[in-house]
Amino acid sequence: MTLFSLLHLSMKYVNILHILVIGTSLLYISYYQSKTPFYIYYLLIVLGLCIILFVPIPNLELTNFRNVLYITHYVLFIPGFLALAYYGLQNKLSKDTYSALGFIGLFIIMYHLYKLIFRIM
């Protein structure tokens, strides 16, 4: 059982957000690499902090997939986005990191597009 989230979005809108903003931002960073404008990294900071607003606060029980997903957002994605933004703004990302971001961005887009299609049908 989750405690609460400060704001609530329909899962359709969550999927659209992941497709149009998160996945495409990671692909953009992957494509432009060190030439990525600074404001894209600031967008990652905002997205990382918005997790606190939109993702319900989980309890620490690994009882269902959704709760594990919430825990993953807090433990992995918030620090990951903040670290990515920090190192990106410092131009300290490696070529391998840029390649990995491309694959991750593409995966996010494909997965959430798949989920969105089945939610709409």
PDB file of N, CA and C in Angstrom:
ATOM      1  N   MET A   1       0.841  -1.176   0.000  1.00  0.00           N
ATOM      2  CA  MET A   1       0.000   0.000   0.000  1.00  0.00           C
ATOM      3  C   MET A   1       0.891   1.246   0.000  1.00  0.00           C
ATOM      4  N   THR A   2       0.602   2.155  -0.894  1.00  0.00           N
ATOM      5  CA  THR A   2       1.383   3.387  -0.963  1.00  0.00           C
ATOM      6  C   THR A   2       0.758   4.429  -0.048  1.00  0.00           C
ATOM      7  N   LEU A   3       1.562   5.360   0.388  1.00  0.00           N
ATOM      8  CA  LEU A   3       1.052   6.388   1.282  1.00  0.00           C
ATOM      9  C   LEU A   3       0.246   7.428   0.513  1.00  0.00           C
ATOM     10  N   PHE A   4       0.886   8.173  -0.352  1.00  0.00           N
ATOM     11  CA  PHE A   4       0.193   9.188  -1.138  1.00  0.00           C
ATOM     12  C   PHE A   4       1.129   9.746  -2.198  1.00  0.00           C
ATOM     13  N   SER A   5       0.536  10.422  -3.169  1.00  0.00           N
ATOM     14  CA  SER A   5       1.322  11.230  -4.098  1.00  0.00           C
ATOM     15  C   SER A   5       0.730  12.635  -4.050  1.00  0.00           C
ATOM     16  N   LEU A   6       1.546  13.622  -4.253  1.00  0.00           N
ATOM     17  CA  LEU A   6       1.070  15.000  -4.154  1.00  0.00           C
ATOM     18  C   LEU A   6       0.164  15.371  -5.319  1.00  0.00           C
ATOM     19  N   LEU A   7       0.476  14.866  -6.497  1.00  0.00           N
ATOM     20  CA  LEU A   7      -0.332  15.118  -7.688  1.00  0.00           C
ATOM     21  C   LEU A   7      -0.633  13.787  -8.355  1.00  0.00           C
ATOM     22  N   HIS A   8      -1.746  13.721  -9.057  1.00  0.00           N
ATOM     23  CA  HIS A   8      -2.115  12.468  -9.716  1.00  0.00           C
ATOM     24  C   HIS A   8      -2.324  12.710 -11.211  1.00  0.00           C
ATOM     25  N   LEU A   9      -1.736  11.853 -12.019  1.00  0.00           N
ATOM     26  CA  LEU A   9      -1.942  11.862 -13.465  1.00  0.00           C
ATOM     27  C   LEU A   9      -2.511  10.517 -13.878  1.00  0.00           C
ATOM     28  N   SER A  10      -3.386  10.537 -14.853  1.00  0.00           N
ATOM     29  CA  SER A  10      -3.860   9.295 -15.453  1.00  0.00           C
ATOM     30  C   SER A  10      -2.669   8.581 -16.084  1.00  0.00           C
ATOM     31  N   MET A  11      -2.706   7.255 -16.086  1.00  0.00           N
ATOM     32  CA  MET A  11      -1.593   6.490 -16.653  1.00  0.00           C
ATOM     33  C   MET A  11      -1.393   6.790 -18.138  1.00  0.00           C
ATOM     34  N   LYS A  12      -2.441   7.173 -18.843  1.00  0.00           N
ATOM     35  CA  LYS A  12      -2.281   7.561 -20.248  1.00  0.00           C
ATOM     36  C   LYS A  12      -1.347   8.769 -20.359  1.00  0.00           C
ATOM     37  N   TYR A  13      -1.548   9.739 -19.476  1.00  0.00           N
ATOM     38  CA  TYR A  13      -0.706  10.934 -19.500  1.00  0.00           C
ATOM     39  C   TYR A  13       0.714  10.638 -19.021  1.00  0.00           C
ATOM     40  N   VAL A  14       0.834   9.701 -18.103  1.00  0.00           N
ATOM     41  CA  VAL A  14       2.165   9.279 -17.656  1.00  0.00           C
ATOM     42  C   VAL A  14       2.921   8.663 -18.830  1.00  0.00           C
ATOM     43  N   ASN A  15       2.232   7.805 -19.608  1.00  0.00           N
ATOM     44  CA  ASN A  15       2.862   7.202 -20.781  1.00  0.00           C
ATOM     45  C   ASN A  15       3.253   8.261 -21.805  1.00  0.00           C
ATOM     46  N   ILE A  16       2.370   9.218 -22.050  1.00  0.00           N
ATOM     47  CA  ILE A  16       2.663  10.291 -23.008  1.00  0.00           C
ATOM     48  C   ILE A  16       3.858  11.119 -22.532  1.00  0.00           C
ATOM     49  N   LEU A  17       3.923  11.412 -21.237  1.00  0.00           N
ATOM     50  CA  LEU A  17       5.057  12.148 -20.674  1.00  0.00           C
ATOM     51  C   LEU A  17       6.359  11.388 -20.889  1.00  0.00           C
ATOM     52  N   HIS A  18       6.339  10.083 -20.652  1.00  0.00           N
ATOM     53  CA  HIS A  18       7.546   9.278 -20.849  1.00  0.00           C
ATOM     54  C   HIS A  18       7.961   9.249 -22.326  1.00  0.00           C
ATOM     55  N   ILE A  19       6.983   9.169 -23.227  1.00  0.00           N
ATOM     56  CA  ILE A  19       7.282   9.102 -24.661  1.00  0.00           C
ATOM     57  C   ILE A  19       7.819  10.436 -25.172  1.00  0.00           C
ATOM     58  N   LEU A  20       7.075  11.515 -24.913  1.00  0.00           N
ATOM     59  CA  LEU A  20       7.391  12.806 -25.523  1.00  0.00           C
ATOM     60  C   LEU A  20       8.480  13.592 -24.802  1.00  0.00           C
ATOM     61  N   VAL A  21       8.640  13.390 -23.513  1.00  0.00           N
ATOM     62  CA  VAL A  21       9.595  14.215 -22.772  1.00  0.00           C
ATOM     63  C   VAL A  21      10.811  13.406 -22.322  1.00  0.00           C
ATOM     64  N   ILE A  22      10.592  12.353 -21.569  1.00  0.00           N
ATOM     65  CA  ILE A  22      11.723  11.642 -20.970  1.00  0.00           C
ATOM     66  C   ILE A  22      12.519  10.872 -22.021  1.00  0.00           C
ATOM     67  N   GLY A  23      11.844  10.015 -22.785  1.00  0.00           N
ATOM     68  CA  GLY A  23      12.539   9.227 -23.804  1.00  0.00           C
ATOM     69  C   GLY A  23      13.212  10.087 -24.852  1.00  0.00           C
ATOM     70  N   THR A  24      12.497  11.117 -25.326  1.00  0.00           N
ATOM     71  CA  THR A  24      13.082  11.973 -26.363  1.00  0.00           C
ATOM     72  C   THR A  24      14.234  12.819 -25.816  1.00  0.00           C
ATOM     73  N   SER A  25      14.162  13.218 -24.549  1.00  0.00           N
ATOM     74  CA  SER A  25      15.279  13.971 -23.953  1.00  0.00           C
ATOM     75  C   SER A  25      16.539  13.118 -23.904  1.00  0.00           C
ATOM     76  N   LEU A  26      16.391  11.863 -23.524  1.00  0.00           N
ATOM     77  CA  LEU A  26      17.555  10.976 -23.466  1.00  0.00           C
ATOM     78  C   LEU A  26      18.107  10.704 -24.865  1.00  0.00           C
ATOM     79  N   LEU A  27      17.213  10.535 -25.846  1.00  0.00           N
ATOM     80  CA  LEU A  27      17.674  10.363 -27.230  1.00  0.00           C
ATOM     81  C   LEU A  27      18.389  11.619 -27.728  1.00  0.00           C
ATOM     82  N   TYR A  28      17.855  12.771 -27.380  1.00  0.00           N
ATOM     83  CA  TYR A  28      18.457  14.043 -27.781  1.00  0.00           C
ATOM     84  C   TYR A  28      19.874  14.165 -27.223  1.00  0.00           C
ATOM     85  N   ILE A  29      20.027  13.861 -25.941  1.00  0.00           N
ATOM     86  CA  ILE A  29      21.355  13.906 -25.318  1.00  0.00           C
ATOM     87  C   ILE A  29      22.290  12.913 -25.995  1.00  0.00           C
ATOM     88  N   SER A  30      21.773  11.732 -26.301  1.00  0.00           N
ATOM     89  CA  SER A  30      22.585  10.709 -26.957  1.00  0.00           C
ATOM     90  C   SER A  30      23.054  11.172 -28.331  1.00  0.00           C
ATOM     91  N   TYR A  31      22.183  11.847 -29.063  1.00  0.00           N
ATOM     92  CA  TYR A  31      22.511  12.278 -30.419  1.00  0.00           C
ATOM     93  C   TYR A  31      23.492  13.461 -30.412  1.00  0.00           C
ATOM     94  N   TYR A  32      23.217  14.480 -29.588  1.00  0.00           N
ATOM     95  CA  TYR A  32      24.044  15.690 -29.603  1.00  0.00           C
ATOM     96  C   TYR A  32      25.264  15.610 -28.684  1.00  0.00           C
ATOM     97  N   GLN A  33      25.283  14.657 -27.797  1.00  0.00           N
ATOM     98  CA  GLN A  33      26.408  14.388 -26.900  1.00  0.00           C
ATOM     99  C   GLN A  33      26.905  15.663 -26.217  1.00  0.00           C
ATOM    100  N   SER A  34      28.148  16.026 -26.382  1.00  0.00           N
ATOM    101  CA  SER A  34      28.701  17.184 -25.664  1.00  0.00           C
ATOM    102  C   SER A  34      28.150  18.515 -26.181  1.00  0.00           C
ATOM    103  N   LYS A  35      27.442  18.484 -27.302  1.00  0.00           N
ATOM    104  CA  LYS A  35      26.846  19.707 -27.854  1.00  0.00           C
ATOM    105  C   LYS A  35      25.416  19.924 -27.354  1.00  0.00           C
ATOM    106  N   THR A  36      24.954  19.068 -26.449  1.00  0.00           N
ATOM    107  CA  THR A  36      23.605  19.199 -25.898  1.00  0.00           C
ATOM    108  C   THR A  36      23.491  20.523 -25.148  1.00  0.00           C
ATOM    109  N   PRO A  37      22.453  21.313 -25.448  1.00  0.00           N
ATOM    110  CA  PRO A  37      22.278  22.588 -24.736  1.00  0.00           C
ATOM    111  C   PRO A  37      22.067  22.361 -23.231  1.00  0.00           C
ATOM    112  N   PHE A  38      22.511  23.310 -22.442  1.00  0.00           N
ATOM    113  CA  PHE A  38      22.446  23.177 -20.981  1.00  0.00           C
ATOM    114  C   PHE A  38      21.019  23.015 -20.475  1.00  0.00           C
ATOM    115  N   TYR A  39      20.039  23.634 -21.154  1.00  0.00           N
ATOM    116  CA  TYR A  39      18.670  23.585 -20.648  1.00  0.00           C
ATOM    117  C   TYR A  39      18.070  22.180 -20.697  1.00  0.00           C
ATOM    118  N   ILE A  40      18.596  21.296 -21.525  1.00  0.00           N
ATOM    119  CA  ILE A  40      18.129  19.904 -21.531  1.00  0.00           C
ATOM    120  C   ILE A  40      18.528  19.230 -20.217  1.00  0.00           C
ATOM    121  N   TYR A  41      19.708  19.538 -19.728  1.00  0.00           N
ATOM    122  CA  TYR A  41      20.135  18.973 -18.446  1.00  0.00           C
ATOM    123  C   TYR A  41      19.324  19.563 -17.292  1.00  0.00           C
ATOM    124  N   TYR A  42      18.964  20.837 -17.396  1.00  0.00           N
ATOM    125  CA  TYR A  42      18.087  21.421 -16.376  1.00  0.00           C
ATOM    126  C   TYR A  42      16.709  20.759 -16.418  1.00  0.00           C
ATOM    127  N   LEU A  43      16.255  20.388 -17.602  1.00  0.00           N
ATOM    128  CA  LEU A  43      14.997  19.652 -17.725  1.00  0.00           C
ATOM    129  C   LEU A  43      15.083  18.326 -16.967  1.00  0.00           C
ATOM    130  N   LEU A  44      16.228  17.649 -17.059  1.00  0.00           N
ATOM    131  CA  LEU A  44      16.403  16.394 -16.324  1.00  0.00           C
ATOM    132  C   LEU A  44      16.334  16.620 -14.813  1.00  0.00           C
ATOM    133  N   ILE A  45      16.872  17.724 -14.349  1.00  0.00           N
ATOM    134  CA  ILE A  45      16.780  18.040 -12.917  1.00  0.00           C
ATOM    135  C   ILE A  45      15.321  18.211 -12.518  1.00  0.00           C
ATOM    136  N   VAL A  46      14.571  18.960 -13.319  1.00  0.00           N
ATOM    137  CA  VAL A  46      13.153  19.177 -13.032  1.00  0.00           C
ATOM    138  C   VAL A  46      12.396  17.850 -13.067  1.00  0.00           C
ATOM    139  N   LEU A  47      12.661  17.024 -14.079  1.00  0.00           N
ATOM    140  CA  LEU A  47      11.983  15.727 -14.173  1.00  0.00           C
ATOM    141  C   LEU A  47      12.314  14.842 -12.975  1.00  0.00           C
ATOM    142  N   GLY A  48      13.573  14.836 -12.579  1.00  0.00           N
ATOM    143  CA  GLY A  48      13.963  14.038 -11.418  1.00  0.00           C
ATOM    144  C   GLY A  48      13.244  14.483 -10.160  1.00  0.00           C
ATOM    145  N   LEU A  49      13.139  15.780  -9.967  1.00  0.00           N
ATOM    146  CA  LEU A  49      12.463  16.292  -8.779  1.00  0.00           C
ATOM    147  C   LEU A  49      10.946  16.141  -8.865  1.00  0.00           C
ATOM    148  N   CYS A  50      10.399  16.138 -10.072  1.00  0.00           N
ATOM    149  CA  CYS A  50       8.952  15.943 -10.245  1.00  0.00           C
ATOM    150  C   CYS A  50       8.513  14.531  -9.867  1.00  0.00           C
ATOM    151  N   ILE A  51       9.443  13.608  -9.834  1.00  0.00           N
ATOM    152  CA  ILE A  51       9.101  12.255  -9.393  1.00  0.00           C
ATOM    153  C   ILE A  51       8.502  12.317  -7.994  1.00  0.00           C
ATOM    154  N   ILE A  52       9.027  13.199  -7.158  1.00  0.00           N
ATOM    155  CA  ILE A  52       8.519  13.344  -5.794  1.00  0.00           C
ATOM    156  C   ILE A  52       7.058  13.778  -5.811  1.00  0.00           C
ATOM    157  N   LEU A  53       6.676  14.590  -6.797  1.00  0.00           N
ATOM    158  CA  LEU A  53       5.296  15.072  -6.875  1.00  0.00           C
ATOM    159  C   LEU A  53       4.333  14.037  -7.444  1.00  0.00           C
ATOM    160  N   PHE A  54       4.774  13.284  -8.448  1.00  0.00           N
ATOM    161  CA  PHE A  54       3.849  12.449  -9.199  1.00  0.00           C
ATOM    162  C   PHE A  54       3.879  10.967  -8.859  1.00  0.00           C
ATOM    163  N   VAL A  55       4.998  10.464  -8.372  1.00  0.00           N
ATOM    164  CA  VAL A  55       5.094   9.032  -8.073  1.00  0.00           C
ATOM    165  C   VAL A  55       4.746   8.840  -6.601  1.00  0.00           C
ATOM    166  N   PRO A  56       3.750   8.007  -6.315  1.00  0.00           N
ATOM    167  CA  PRO A  56       3.373   7.787  -4.912  1.00  0.00           C
ATOM    168  C   PRO A  56       4.553   7.293  -4.079  1.00  0.00           C
ATOM    169  N   ILE A  57       4.574   7.732  -2.845  1.00  0.00           N
ATOM    170  CA  ILE A  57       5.627   7.300  -1.925  1.00  0.00           C
ATOM    171  C   ILE A  57       5.367   5.836  -1.574  1.00  0.00           C
ATOM    172  N   PRO A  58       6.328   4.969  -1.857  1.00  0.00           N
ATOM    173  CA  PRO A  58       6.097   3.538  -1.607  1.00  0.00           C
ATOM    174  C   PRO A  58       6.438   3.158  -0.172  1.00  0.00           C
ATOM    175  N   ASN A  59       5.866   2.034   0.241  1.00  0.00           N
ATOM    176  CA  ASN A  59       6.394   1.434   1.464  1.00  0.00           C
ATOM    177  C   ASN A  59       7.550   0.544   1.021  1.00  0.00           C
ATOM    178  N   LEU A  60       8.235  -0.064   1.917  1.00  0.00           N
ATOM    179  CA  LEU A  60       9.429  -0.820   1.545  1.00  0.00           C
ATOM    180  C   LEU A  60       9.159  -2.307   1.356  1.00  0.00           C
ATOM    181  N   GLU A  61       7.908  -2.671   1.176  1.00  0.00           N
ATOM    182  CA  GLU A  61       7.566  -4.067   0.926  1.00  0.00           C
ATOM    183  C   GLU A  61       7.647  -4.346  -0.572  1.00  0.00           C
ATOM    184  N   LEU A  62       8.263  -5.444  -0.914  1.00  0.00           N
ATOM    185  CA  LEU A  62       8.380  -5.834  -2.323  1.00  0.00           C
ATOM    186  C   LEU A  62       7.250  -6.795  -2.673  1.00  0.00           C
ATOM    187  N   THR A  63       6.016  -6.396  -2.355  1.00  0.00           N
ATOM    188  CA  THR A  63       4.873  -7.300  -2.487  1.00  0.00           C
ATOM    189  C   THR A  63       4.247  -7.301  -3.874  1.00  0.00           C
ATOM    190  N   ASN A  64       4.356  -6.213  -4.598  1.00  0.00           N
ATOM    191  CA  ASN A  64       3.783  -6.190  -5.945  1.00  0.00           C
ATOM    192  C   ASN A  64       4.665  -5.362  -6.879  1.00  0.00           C
ATOM    193  N   PHE A  65       4.440  -5.547  -8.160  1.00  0.00           N
ATOM    194  CA  PHE A  65       5.281  -4.910  -9.174  1.00  0.00           C
ATOM    195  C   PHE A  65       5.198  -3.392  -9.106  1.00  0.00           C
ATOM    196  N   ARG A  66       4.006  -2.866  -8.889  1.00  0.00           N
ATOM    197  CA  ARG A  66       3.835  -1.411  -8.876  1.00  0.00           C
ATOM    198  C   ARG A  66       4.645  -0.781  -7.740  1.00  0.00           C
ATOM    199  N   ASN A  67       4.634  -1.401  -6.573  1.00  0.00           N
ATOM    200  CA  ASN A  67       5.402  -0.864  -5.450  1.00  0.00           C
ATOM    201  C   ASN A  67       6.904  -0.920  -5.740  1.00  0.00           C
ATOM    202  N   VAL A  68       7.362  -1.999  -6.374  1.00  0.00           N
ATOM    203  CA  VAL A  68       8.770  -2.103  -6.765  1.00  0.00           C
ATOM    204  C   VAL A  68       9.108  -0.998  -7.767  1.00  0.00           C
ATOM    205  N   LEU A  69       8.179  -0.705  -8.671  1.00  0.00           N
ATOM    206  CA  LEU A  69       8.377   0.368  -9.644  1.00  0.00           C
ATOM    207  C   LEU A  69       8.505   1.725  -8.949  1.00  0.00           C
ATOM    208  N   TYR A  70       7.660   1.968  -7.954  1.00  0.00           N
ATOM    209  CA  TYR A  70       7.745   3.222  -7.196  1.00  0.00           C
ATOM    210  C   TYR A  70       9.086   3.329  -6.474  1.00  0.00           C
ATOM    211  N   ILE A  71       9.507   2.230  -5.838  1.00  0.00           N
ATOM    212  CA  ILE A  71      10.798   2.226  -5.140  1.00  0.00           C
ATOM    213  C   ILE A  71      11.923   2.526  -6.125  1.00  0.00           C
ATOM    214  N   THR A  72      11.853   1.915  -7.310  1.00  0.00           N
ATOM    215  CA  THR A  72      12.871   2.132  -8.339  1.00  0.00           C
ATOM    216  C   THR A  72      12.943   3.600  -8.746  1.00  0.00           C
ATOM    217  N   HIS A  73      11.791   4.254  -8.864  1.00  0.00           N
ATOM    218  CA  HIS A  73      11.789   5.668  -9.227  1.00  0.00           C
ATOM    219  C   HIS A  73      12.509   6.507  -8.170  1.00  0.00           C
ATOM    220  N   TYR A  74      12.271   6.211  -6.907  1.00  0.00           N
ATOM    221  CA  TYR A  74      12.900   6.988  -5.839  1.00  0.00           C
ATOM    222  C   TYR A  74      14.377   6.655  -5.651  1.00  0.00           C
ATOM    223  N   VAL A  75      14.730   5.379  -5.756  1.00  0.00           N
ATOM    224  CA  VAL A  75      16.098   4.952  -5.456  1.00  0.00           C
ATOM    225  C   VAL A  75      17.025   5.084  -6.662  1.00  0.00           C
ATOM    226  N   LEU A  76      16.505   4.859  -7.858  1.00  0.00           N
ATOM    227  CA  LEU A  76      17.348   4.832  -9.054  1.00  0.00           C
ATOM    228  C   LEU A  76      17.190   6.081  -9.925  1.00  0.00           C
ATOM    229  N   PHE A  77      15.948   6.453 -10.235  1.00  0.00           N
ATOM    230  CA  PHE A  77      15.741   7.499 -11.232  1.00  0.00           C
ATOM    231  C   PHE A  77      15.983   8.913 -10.709  1.00  0.00           C
ATOM    232  N   ILE A  78      15.593   9.218  -9.477  1.00  0.00           N
ATOM    233  CA  ILE A  78      15.874  10.567  -8.960  1.00  0.00           C
ATOM    234  C   ILE A  78      17.383  10.816  -8.923  1.00  0.00           C
ATOM    235  N   PRO A  79      18.159   9.962  -8.231  1.00  0.00           N
ATOM    236  CA  PRO A  79      19.609  10.221  -8.238  1.00  0.00           C
ATOM    237  C   PRO A  79      20.228  10.079  -9.624  1.00  0.00           C
ATOM    238  N   GLY A  80      19.674   9.183 -10.455  1.00  0.00           N
ATOM    239  CA  GLY A  80      20.213   9.001 -11.803  1.00  0.00           C
ATOM    240  C   GLY A  80      20.047  10.238 -12.661  1.00  0.00           C
ATOM    241  N   PHE A  81      18.854  10.837 -12.645  1.00  0.00           N
ATOM    242  CA  PHE A  81      18.625  12.056 -13.420  1.00  0.00           C
ATOM    243  C   PHE A  81      19.487  13.202 -12.896  1.00  0.00           C
ATOM    244  N   LEU A  82      19.583  13.321 -11.574  1.00  0.00           N
ATOM    245  CA  LEU A  82      20.388  14.405 -11.005  1.00  0.00           C
ATOM    246  C   LEU A  82      21.866  14.228 -11.338  1.00  0.00           C
ATOM    247  N   ALA A  83      22.363  13.006 -11.244  1.00  0.00           N
ATOM    248  CA  ALA A  83      23.773  12.748 -11.582  1.00  0.00           C
ATOM    249  C   ALA A  83      24.027  12.966 -13.071  1.00  0.00           C
ATOM    250  N   LEU A  84      23.101  12.499 -13.899  1.00  0.00           N
ATOM    251  CA  LEU A  84      23.237  12.689 -15.342  1.00  0.00           C
ATOM    252  C   LEU A  84      23.281  14.178 -15.680  1.00  0.00           C
ATOM    253  N   ALA A  85      22.409  14.957 -15.055  1.00  0.00           N
ATOM    254  CA  ALA A  85      22.404  16.401 -15.296  1.00  0.00           C
ATOM    255  C   ALA A  85      23.707  17.036 -14.813  1.00  0.00           C
ATOM    256  N   TYR A  86      24.158  16.642 -13.644  1.00  0.00           N
ATOM    257  CA  TYR A  86      25.396  17.211 -13.098  1.00  0.00           C
ATOM    258  C   TYR A  86      26.582  16.924 -14.016  1.00  0.00           C
ATOM    259  N   TYR A  87      26.772  15.657 -14.355  1.00  0.00           N
ATOM    260  CA  TYR A  87      27.925  15.300 -15.191  1.00  0.00           C
ATOM    261  C   TYR A  87      27.765  15.818 -16.620  1.00  0.00           C
ATOM    262  N   GLY A  88      26.531  15.901 -17.103  1.00  0.00           N
ATOM    263  CA  GLY A  88      26.306  16.465 -18.428  1.00  0.00           C
ATOM    264  C   GLY A  88      26.649  17.941 -18.483  1.00  0.00           C
ATOM    265  N   LEU A  89      26.269  18.680 -17.447  1.00  0.00           N
ATOM    266  CA  LEU A  89      26.596  20.107 -17.398  1.00  0.00           C
ATOM    267  C   LEU A  89      28.098  20.337 -17.258  1.00  0.00           C
ATOM    268  N   GLN A  90      28.797  19.377 -16.678  1.00  0.00           N
ATOM    269  CA  GLN A  90      30.255  19.464 -16.535  1.00  0.00           C
ATOM    270  C   GLN A  90      30.989  18.900 -17.757  1.00  0.00           C
ATOM    271  N   ASN A  91      30.239  18.419 -18.746  1.00  0.00           N
ATOM    272  CA  ASN A  91      30.806  17.746 -19.927  1.00  0.00           C
ATOM    273  C   ASN A  91      31.717  16.584 -19.541  1.00  0.00           C
ATOM    274  N   LYS A  92      31.254  15.770 -18.604  1.00  0.00           N
ATOM    275  CA  LYS A  92      32.046  14.640 -18.129  1.00  0.00           C
ATOM    276  C   LYS A  92      31.380  13.302 -18.444  1.00  0.00           C
ATOM    277  N   LEU A  93      30.549  13.264 -19.465  1.00  0.00           N
ATOM    278  CA  LEU A  93      29.914  12.007 -19.865  1.00  0.00           C
ATOM    279  C   LEU A  93      30.759  11.338 -20.945  1.00  0.00           C
ATOM    280  N   SER A  94      30.896  10.031 -20.857  1.00  0.00           N
ATOM    281  CA  SER A  94      31.704   9.293 -21.833  1.00  0.00           C
ATOM    282  C   SER A  94      30.874   8.941 -23.064  1.00  0.00           C
ATOM    283  N   LYS A  95      31.550   8.526 -24.110  1.00  0.00           N
ATOM    284  CA  LYS A  95      30.866   8.079 -25.332  1.00  0.00           C
ATOM    285  C   LYS A  95      29.960   6.890 -25.033  1.00  0.00           C
ATOM    286  N   ASP A  96      30.414   5.993 -24.154  1.00  0.00           N
ATOM    287  CA  ASP A  96      29.589   4.842 -23.781  1.00  0.00           C
ATOM    288  C   ASP A  96      28.312   5.276 -23.066  1.00  0.00           C
ATOM    289  N   THR A  97      28.417   6.309 -22.250  1.00  0.00           N
ATOM    290  CA  THR A  97      27.233   6.827 -21.560  1.00  0.00           C
ATOM    291  C   THR A  97      26.241   7.383 -22.566  1.00  0.00           C
ATOM    292  N   TYR A  98      26.731   8.131 -23.546  1.00  0.00           N
ATOM    293  CA  TYR A  98      25.838   8.667 -24.572  1.00  0.00           C
ATOM    294  C   TYR A  98      25.151   7.539 -25.344  1.00  0.00           C
ATOM    295  N   SER A  99      25.883   6.498 -25.674  1.00  0.00           N
ATOM    296  CA  SER A  99      25.290   5.352 -26.377  1.00  0.00           C
ATOM    297  C   SER A  99      24.235   4.680 -25.515  1.00  0.00           C
ATOM    298  N   ALA A 100      24.545   4.482 -24.242  1.00  0.00           N
ATOM    299  CA  ALA A 100      23.590   3.847 -23.329  1.00  0.00           C
ATOM    300  C   ALA A 100      22.324   4.692 -23.202  1.00  0.00           C
ATOM    301  N   LEU A 101      22.471   6.011 -23.158  1.00  0.00           N
ATOM    302  CA  LEU A 101      21.304   6.891 -23.064  1.00  0.00           C
ATOM    303  C   LEU A 101      20.413   6.761 -24.293  1.00  0.00           C
ATOM    304  N   GLY A 102      21.017   6.556 -25.452  1.00  0.00           N
ATOM    305  CA  GLY A 102      20.231   6.348 -26.664  1.00  0.00           C
ATOM    306  C   GLY A 102      19.384   5.092 -26.569  1.00  0.00           C
ATOM    307  N   PHE A 103      19.990   4.009 -26.110  1.00  0.00           N
ATOM    308  CA  PHE A 103      19.237   2.757 -25.960  1.00  0.00           C
ATOM    309  C   PHE A 103      18.161   2.881 -24.885  1.00  0.00           C
ATOM    310  N   ILE A 104      18.486   3.520 -23.780  1.00  0.00           N
ATOM    311  CA  ILE A 104      17.509   3.687 -22.703  1.00  0.00           C
ATOM    312  C   ILE A 104      16.349   4.561 -23.173  1.00  0.00           C
ATOM    313  N   GLY A 105      16.660   5.666 -23.859  1.00  0.00           N
ATOM    314  CA  GLY A 105      15.611   6.536 -24.380  1.00  0.00           C
ATOM    315  C   GLY A 105      14.708   5.823 -25.362  1.00  0.00           C
ATOM    316  N   LEU A 106      15.307   5.044 -26.256  1.00  0.00           N
ATOM    317  CA  LEU A 106      14.522   4.279 -27.225  1.00  0.00           C
ATOM    318  C   LEU A 106      13.654   3.238 -26.527  1.00  0.00           C
ATOM    319  N   PHE A 107      14.197   2.571 -25.520  1.00  0.00           N
ATOM    320  CA  PHE A 107      13.423   1.589 -24.762  1.00  0.00           C
ATOM    321  C   PHE A 107      12.243   2.254 -24.060  1.00  0.00           C
ATOM    322  N   ILE A 108      12.475   3.408 -23.439  1.00  0.00           N
ATOM    323  CA  ILE A 108      11.402   4.123 -22.745  1.00  0.00           C
ATOM    324  C   ILE A 108      10.289   4.480 -23.722  1.00  0.00           C
ATOM    325  N   ILE A 109      10.652   4.974 -24.886  1.00  0.00           N
ATOM    326  CA  ILE A 109       9.652   5.348 -25.887  1.00  0.00           C
ATOM    327  C   ILE A 109       8.864   4.130 -26.346  1.00  0.00           C
ATOM    328  N   MET A 110       9.558   3.053 -26.677  1.00  0.00           N
ATOM    329  CA  MET A 110       8.862   1.857 -27.184  1.00  0.00           C
ATOM    330  C   MET A 110       7.977   1.226 -26.108  1.00  0.00           C
ATOM    331  N   TYR A 111       8.479   1.091 -24.891  1.00  0.00           N
ATOM    332  CA  TYR A 111       7.713   0.468 -23.813  1.00  0.00           C
ATOM    333  C   TYR A 111       6.458   1.276 -23.500  1.00  0.00           C
ATOM    334  N   HIS A 112       6.602   2.590 -23.361  1.00  0.00           N
ATOM    335  CA  HIS A 112       5.452   3.412 -22.994  1.00  0.00           C
ATOM    336  C   HIS A 112       4.494   3.605 -24.168  1.00  0.00           C
ATOM    337  N   LEU A 113       4.979   3.537 -25.385  1.00  0.00           N
ATOM    338  CA  LEU A 113       4.087   3.554 -26.543  1.00  0.00           C
ATOM    339  C   LEU A 113       3.248   2.284 -26.571  1.00  0.00           C
ATOM    340  N   TYR A 114       3.876   1.157 -26.308  1.00  0.00           N
ATOM    341  CA  TYR A 114       3.170  -0.127 -26.220  1.00  0.00           C
ATOM    342  C   TYR A 114       2.094  -0.069 -25.132  1.00  0.00           C
ATOM    343  N   LYS A 115       2.459   0.421 -23.943  1.00  0.00           N
ATOM    344  CA  LYS A 115       1.502   0.508 -22.837  1.00  0.00           C
ATOM    345  C   LYS A 115       0.375   1.485 -23.170  1.00  0.00           C
ATOM    346  N   LEU A 116       0.699   2.594 -23.830  1.00  0.00           N
ATOM    347  CA  LEU A 116      -0.311   3.588 -24.186  1.00  0.00           C
ATOM    348  C   LEU A 116      -1.308   3.024 -25.184  1.00  0.00           C
ATOM    349  N   ILE A 117      -0.821   2.314 -26.182  1.00  0.00           N
ATOM    350  CA  ILE A 117      -1.712   1.731 -27.190  1.00  0.00           C
ATOM    351  C   ILE A 117      -2.714   0.797 -26.532  1.00  0.00           C
ATOM    352  N   PHE A 118      -2.257  -0.033 -25.607  1.00  0.00           N
ATOM    353  CA  PHE A 118      -3.172  -0.962 -24.951  1.00  0.00           C
ATOM    354  C   PHE A 118      -4.089  -0.265 -23.954  1.00  0.00           C
ATOM    355  N   ARG A 119      -3.699   0.869 -23.424  1.00  0.00           N
ATOM    356  CA  ARG A 119      -4.590   1.616 -22.532  1.00  0.00           C
ATOM    357  C   ARG A 119      -5.675   2.333 -23.328  1.00  0.00           C
ATOM    358  N   ILE A 120      -5.350   2.755 -24.542  1.00  0.00           N
ATOM    359  CA  ILE A 120      -6.325   3.464 -25.370  1.00  0.00           C
ATOM    360  C   ILE A 120      -7.350   2.501 -25.955  1.00  0.00           C
ATOM    361  N   MET A 121      -6.911   1.298 -26.284  1.00  0.00           N
ATOM    362  CA  MET A 121      -7.812   0.333 -26.933  1.00  0.00           C
ATOM    363  C   MET A 121      -8.878  -0.173 -25.998  1.00  0.00           C
TER     364      MET A 121
END
